[in-house]
Amino acid sequence: EMPGHAVAALASYPNLGCTGGPYNVRWEWGVSKDVYCAGNDQVFDFLQQVLEQVMDLFPDSPFIHIGGDECPHDRWKSCPKCQERIQTEQLKN
């Protein structure tokens, strides 16, 4: 699920998060404030590659559910890269 629930990926690729880590894989249920950095173009390249591999696994599926809910905005609010993207793209929320 993305952009939230990404801590396991961030533990392996800390450059894809807003703070740069270090991140630890979560062992408890819940929602983490650590999510993919929406202001980092490398995140979109990474997710494109992941989704291409998932689509290869399910070639007959017309849909791939990626989630999109349960994403706290805490890190994005304090991340300069995210704030720059929000301003450039004129995003409201």
C-alpha atoms as a PDB file:
ATOM      1  CA  GLU A   1       0.000   0.000   0.000  1.00  0.00           C
ATOM      2  CA  MET A   2       1.315   3.403  -0.822  1.00  0.00           C
ATOM      3  CA  PRO A   3       2.229   6.078   0.024  1.00  0.00           C
ATOM      4  CA  GLY A   4       1.618   4.963   3.622  1.00  0.00           C
ATOM      5  CA  HIS A   5       2.541   1.571   5.088  1.00  0.00           C
ATOM      6  CA  ALA A   6       5.962   1.879   3.483  1.00  0.00           C
ATOM      7  CA  VAL A   7       8.282   1.491   6.464  1.00  0.00           C
ATOM      8  CA  ALA A   8       9.577  -1.921   5.371  1.00  0.00           C
ATOM      9  CA  ALA A   9      10.597  -0.469   2.010  1.00  0.00           C
ATOM     10  CA  LEU A  10      12.034   2.638   3.676  1.00  0.00           C
ATOM     11  CA  ALA A  11      14.159   0.444   5.955  1.00  0.00           C
ATOM     12  CA  SER A  12      15.844  -0.894   2.812  1.00  0.00           C
ATOM     13  CA  TYR A  13      15.744   2.355   0.814  1.00  0.00           C
ATOM     14  CA  PRO A  14      15.932   5.202   3.362  1.00  0.00           C
ATOM     15  CA  ASN A  15      16.551   7.757   0.622  1.00  0.00           C
ATOM     16  CA  LEU A  16      12.886   7.343  -0.402  1.00  0.00           C
ATOM     17  CA  GLY A  17      11.565   8.805   2.861  1.00  0.00           C
ATOM     18  CA  CYS A  18      11.305  12.415   3.963  1.00  0.00           C
ATOM     19  CA  THR A  19      13.803  12.156   6.819  1.00  0.00           C
ATOM     20  CA  GLY A  20      16.341   9.811   5.239  1.00  0.00           C
ATOM     21  CA  GLY A  21      16.012   7.425   8.176  1.00  0.00           C
ATOM     22  CA  PRO A  22      17.173   5.300   9.677  1.00  0.00           C
ATOM     23  CA  TYR A  23      13.903   3.389   9.515  1.00  0.00           C
ATOM     24  CA  ASN A  24      13.123   0.144  11.279  1.00  0.00           C
ATOM     25  CA  VAL A  25      10.679  -2.483  10.084  1.00  0.00           C
ATOM     26  CA  ARG A  26       7.579  -2.242  12.264  1.00  0.00           C
ATOM     27  CA  TRP A  27       6.650  -5.186  14.457  1.00  0.00           C
ATOM     28  CA  GLU A  28       3.331  -3.813  15.651  1.00  0.00           C
ATOM     29  CA  TRP A  29       0.077  -2.944  13.947  1.00  0.00           C
ATOM     30  CA  GLY A  30      -0.721   0.668  13.176  1.00  0.00           C
ATOM     31  CA  VAL A  31      -0.025   3.600  10.924  1.00  0.00           C
ATOM     32  CA  SER A  32       3.443   5.130  10.810  1.00  0.00           C
ATOM     33  CA  LYS A  33       4.197   8.773  10.158  1.00  0.00           C
ATOM     34  CA  ASP A  34       7.088   7.634   7.946  1.00  0.00           C
ATOM     35  CA  VAL A  35       5.845   7.455   4.353  1.00  0.00           C
ATOM     36  CA  TYR A  36       7.311   7.840   0.890  1.00  0.00           C
ATOM     37  CA  CYS A  37       8.564  11.361   0.188  1.00  0.00           C
ATOM     38  CA  ALA A  38       6.165  12.934  -2.289  1.00  0.00           C
ATOM     39  CA  GLY A  39       8.768  15.526  -3.216  1.00  0.00           C
ATOM     40  CA  ASN A  40      11.425  13.024  -4.265  1.00  0.00           C
ATOM     41  CA  ASP A  41      11.390  12.007  -7.939  1.00  0.00           C
ATOM     42  CA  GLN A  42      13.309   8.807  -7.058  1.00  0.00           C
ATOM     43  CA  VAL A  43      10.194   7.634  -5.206  1.00  0.00           C
ATOM     44  CA  PHE A  44       8.136   7.756  -8.383  1.00  0.00           C
ATOM     45  CA  ASP A  45      10.819   5.897 -10.344  1.00  0.00           C
ATOM     46  CA  PHE A  46      10.981   3.219  -7.625  1.00  0.00           C
ATOM     47  CA  LEU A  47       7.198   2.810  -7.437  1.00  0.00           C
ATOM     48  CA  GLN A  48       6.957   2.663 -11.235  1.00  0.00           C
ATOM     49  CA  GLN A  49       9.401  -0.258 -11.241  1.00  0.00           C
ATOM     50  CA  VAL A  50       7.553  -2.022  -8.407  1.00  0.00           C
ATOM     51  CA  LEU A  51       4.181  -1.620 -10.139  1.00  0.00           C
ATOM     52  CA  GLU A  52       5.592  -2.844 -13.458  1.00  0.00           C
ATOM     53  CA  GLN A  53       6.765  -6.018 -11.711  1.00  0.00           C
ATOM     54  CA  VAL A  54       3.387  -6.474 -10.016  1.00  0.00           C
ATOM     55  CA  MET A  55       1.583  -5.989 -13.342  1.00  0.00           C
ATOM     56  CA  ASP A  56       3.854  -8.631 -14.899  1.00  0.00           C
ATOM     57  CA  LEU A  57       2.761 -11.044 -12.156  1.00  0.00           C
ATOM     58  CA  PHE A  58      -0.929 -10.395 -12.873  1.00  0.00           C
ATOM     59  CA  PRO A  59      -1.101  -9.735 -16.633  1.00  0.00           C
ATOM     60  CA  ASP A  60      -4.835 -10.451 -16.903  1.00  0.00           C
ATOM     61  CA  SER A  61      -5.866  -8.168 -14.058  1.00  0.00           C
ATOM     62  CA  PRO A  62      -7.582  -4.970 -15.178  1.00  0.00           C
ATOM     63  CA  PHE A  63      -6.819  -3.352 -11.797  1.00  0.00           C
ATOM     64  CA  ILE A  64      -4.005  -3.221  -9.265  1.00  0.00           C
ATOM     65  CA  HIS A  65      -5.105  -1.817  -5.902  1.00  0.00           C
ATOM     66  CA  ILE A  66      -2.452   0.439  -4.384  1.00  0.00           C
ATOM     67  CA  GLY A  67      -4.361   1.709  -1.350  1.00  0.00           C
ATOM     68  CA  GLY A  68      -3.815   5.402  -0.866  1.00  0.00           C
ATOM     69  CA  ASP A  69      -5.668   5.748   2.411  1.00  0.00           C
ATOM     70  CA  GLU A  70      -4.171   5.830   5.893  1.00  0.00           C
ATOM     71  CA  CYS A  71      -1.366   8.161   4.916  1.00  0.00           C
ATOM     72  CA  PRO A  72      -0.519  10.719   7.574  1.00  0.00           C
ATOM     73  CA  HIS A  73       0.737  14.018   6.192  1.00  0.00           C
ATOM     74  CA  ASP A  74       3.007  14.821   9.156  1.00  0.00           C
ATOM     75  CA  ARG A  75       6.302  14.215   7.344  1.00  0.00           C
ATOM     76  CA  TRP A  76       5.099  15.957   4.182  1.00  0.00           C
ATOM     77  CA  LYS A  77       4.208  19.077   6.184  1.00  0.00           C
ATOM     78  CA  SER A  78       7.762  19.353   7.530  1.00  0.00           C
ATOM     79  CA  CYS A  79       9.652  18.147   4.440  1.00  0.00           C
ATOM     80  CA  PRO A  80      11.151  20.878   2.222  1.00  0.00           C
ATOM     81  CA  LYS A  81      11.009  18.647  -0.881  1.00  0.00           C
ATOM     82  CA  CYS A  82       7.341  17.842  -0.314  1.00  0.00           C
ATOM     83  CA  GLN A  83       6.482  21.457   0.378  1.00  0.00           C
ATOM     84  CA  GLU A  84       8.221  22.516  -2.823  1.00  0.00           C
ATOM     85  CA  ARG A  85       6.210  19.955  -4.818  1.00  0.00           C
ATOM     86  CA  ILE A  86       2.975  21.069  -3.130  1.00  0.00           C
ATOM     87  CA  GLN A  87       3.701  24.661  -4.145  1.00  0.00           C
ATOM     88  CA  THR A  88       4.863  23.830  -7.666  1.00  0.00           C
ATOM     89  CA  GLU A  89       1.907  21.552  -8.389  1.00  0.00           C
ATOM     90  CA  GLN A  90      -0.504  23.869  -6.538  1.00  0.00           C
ATOM     91  CA  LEU A  91      -1.833  20.995  -4.438  1.00  0.00           C
ATOM     92  CA  LYS A  92      -4.491  21.799  -1.869  1.00  0.00           C
ATOM     93  CA  ASN A  93      -4.131  18.840   0.500  1.00  0.00           C
END
